[in-house]
Amino acid sequence: MDVIREIVKVKDHRIVIDLPENLEFDKAEVIIQPLENSSSDFDMRAFLLKGPVLSGAEIKSIKDVRKDFKEWNLNKF
């Protein structure tokens, strides 16, 4: 079952939802629920894109440390 969930703005008591062309059906159920929490305007994609970016050297360092951890043996301590 294909499901689309969107948070849309109401303008002049109307909501417009554009459906992807690959969705083919004759009927759909629409449930309208007021959005009470303004934090829902939070854009996760934009937040993640603004985040720090690791360099190749930093990624290699993380992988090296992970490899070292996997090789640890508690009996050595």
C-alpha atoms as a PDB file:
ATOM      1  CA  MET A   1       0.000   0.000   0.000  1.00  0.00           C
ATOM      2  CA  ASP A   2       1.339   3.429  -0.932  1.00  0.00           C
ATOM      3  CA  VAL A   3       0.949   6.129   1.690  1.00  0.00           C
ATOM      4  CA  ILE A   4       1.769   9.798   1.435  1.00  0.00           C
ATOM      5  CA  ARG A   5       1.976  11.975   4.510  1.00  0.00           C
ATOM      6  CA  GLU A   6       2.424  15.682   4.049  1.00  0.00           C
ATOM      7  CA  ILE A   7       2.170  18.742   6.205  1.00  0.00           C
ATOM      8  CA  VAL A   8       0.596  21.443   4.072  1.00  0.00           C
ATOM      9  CA  LYS A   9      -0.475  25.004   4.644  1.00  0.00           C
ATOM     10  CA  VAL A  10      -4.142  25.881   4.496  1.00  0.00           C
ATOM     11  CA  LYS A  11      -4.823  28.901   2.298  1.00  0.00           C
ATOM     12  CA  ASP A  12      -8.307  30.342   1.887  1.00  0.00           C
ATOM     13  CA  HIS A  13      -9.769  27.206   3.465  1.00  0.00           C
ATOM     14  CA  ARG A  14      -8.183  25.049   0.731  1.00  0.00           C
ATOM     15  CA  ILE A  15      -5.491  22.398   0.623  1.00  0.00           C
ATOM     16  CA  VAL A  16      -3.777  21.266  -2.570  1.00  0.00           C
ATOM     17  CA  ILE A  17      -1.975  17.925  -2.686  1.00  0.00           C
ATOM     18  CA  ASP A  18      -0.053  16.964  -5.809  1.00  0.00           C
ATOM     19  CA  LEU A  19       0.248  13.209  -6.221  1.00  0.00           C
ATOM     20  CA  PRO A  20       3.242  11.521  -7.845  1.00  0.00           C
ATOM     21  CA  GLU A  21       2.485  10.222 -11.336  1.00  0.00           C
ATOM     22  CA  ASN A  22       3.496   6.669 -10.393  1.00  0.00           C
ATOM     23  CA  LEU A  23       0.580   6.371  -7.959  1.00  0.00           C
ATOM     24  CA  GLU A  24      -2.347   4.871  -9.810  1.00  0.00           C
ATOM     25  CA  PHE A  25      -5.648   4.482  -8.021  1.00  0.00           C
ATOM     26  CA  ASP A  26      -9.223   5.622  -8.453  1.00  0.00           C
ATOM     27  CA  LYS A  27     -10.058   6.563  -4.865  1.00  0.00           C
ATOM     28  CA  ALA A  28      -8.100   7.796  -1.859  1.00  0.00           C
ATOM     29  CA  GLU A  29      -8.910   8.444   1.768  1.00  0.00           C
ATOM     30  CA  VAL A  30      -8.037  11.928   2.995  1.00  0.00           C
ATOM     31  CA  ILE A  31      -7.788  12.609   6.708  1.00  0.00           C
ATOM     32  CA  ILE A  32      -7.419  16.238   7.772  1.00  0.00           C
ATOM     33  CA  GLN A  33      -6.011  16.829  11.218  1.00  0.00           C
ATOM     34  CA  PRO A  34      -5.110  20.224  12.650  1.00  0.00           C
ATOM     35  CA  LEU A  35      -1.437  20.612  13.388  1.00  0.00           C
ATOM     36  CA  GLU A  36      -1.110  21.786  16.962  1.00  0.00           C
ATOM     37  CA  ASN A  37       2.657  21.791  17.315  1.00  0.00           C
ATOM     38  CA  SER A  38       4.512  24.514  15.443  1.00  0.00           C
ATOM     39  CA  SER A  39       7.727  22.490  15.703  1.00  0.00           C
ATOM     40  CA  SER A  40       6.366  20.383  12.849  1.00  0.00           C
ATOM     41  CA  ASP A  41       7.614  23.117  10.517  1.00  0.00           C
ATOM     42  CA  PHE A  42      11.050  21.715  11.288  1.00  0.00           C
ATOM     43  CA  ASP A  43      12.786  20.735   8.047  1.00  0.00           C
ATOM     44  CA  MET A  44      14.959  17.700   8.798  1.00  0.00           C
ATOM     45  CA  ARG A  45      16.576  17.719   5.364  1.00  0.00           C
ATOM     46  CA  ALA A  46      17.647  21.354   5.676  1.00  0.00           C
ATOM     47  CA  PHE A  47      18.907  20.699   9.208  1.00  0.00           C
ATOM     48  CA  LEU A  48      21.035  17.760   8.057  1.00  0.00           C
ATOM     49  CA  LEU A  49      22.403  19.645   5.060  1.00  0.00           C
ATOM     50  CA  LYS A  50      23.584  22.458   7.351  1.00  0.00           C
ATOM     51  CA  GLY A  51      25.406  19.975   9.579  1.00  0.00           C
ATOM     52  CA  PRO A  52      29.137  19.350   9.648  1.00  0.00           C
ATOM     53  CA  VAL A  53      30.717  17.400   6.832  1.00  0.00           C
ATOM     54  CA  LEU A  54      33.485  14.922   7.583  1.00  0.00           C
ATOM     55  CA  SER A  55      36.595  14.991   5.455  1.00  0.00           C
ATOM     56  CA  GLY A  56      38.053  11.830   3.943  1.00  0.00           C
ATOM     57  CA  ALA A  57      40.794  11.869   6.589  1.00  0.00           C
ATOM     58  CA  GLU A  58      38.232  12.104   9.407  1.00  0.00           C
ATOM     59  CA  ILE A  59      36.224   9.207   7.987  1.00  0.00           C
ATOM     60  CA  LYS A  60      39.399   7.120   7.680  1.00  0.00           C
ATOM     61  CA  SER A  61      40.309   7.958  11.277  1.00  0.00           C
ATOM     62  CA  ILE A  62      36.880   6.823  12.491  1.00  0.00           C
ATOM     63  CA  LYS A  63      37.173   3.569  10.537  1.00  0.00           C
ATOM     64  CA  ASP A  64      40.672   2.960  11.951  1.00  0.00           C
ATOM     65  CA  VAL A  65      39.446   3.465  15.518  1.00  0.00           C
ATOM     66  CA  ARG A  66      36.481   1.158  14.853  1.00  0.00           C
ATOM     67  CA  LYS A  67      38.879  -1.482  13.537  1.00  0.00           C
ATOM     68  CA  ASP A  68      41.086  -1.102  16.627  1.00  0.00           C
ATOM     69  CA  PHE A  69      38.077  -1.525  18.919  1.00  0.00           C
ATOM     70  CA  LYS A  70      37.093  -4.735  17.136  1.00  0.00           C
ATOM     71  CA  GLU A  71      40.575  -6.130  17.774  1.00  0.00           C
ATOM     72  CA  TRP A  72      40.510  -5.438  21.501  1.00  0.00           C
ATOM     73  CA  ASN A  73      40.693  -8.462  23.737  1.00  0.00           C
ATOM     74  CA  LEU A  74      39.678  -8.161  27.379  1.00  0.00           C
ATOM     75  CA  ASN A  75      42.104 -10.910  28.344  1.00  0.00           C
ATOM     76  CA  LYS A  76      45.013  -8.552  27.505  1.00  0.00           C
ATOM     77  CA  PHE A  77      44.016  -6.228  30.341  1.00  0.00           C
END
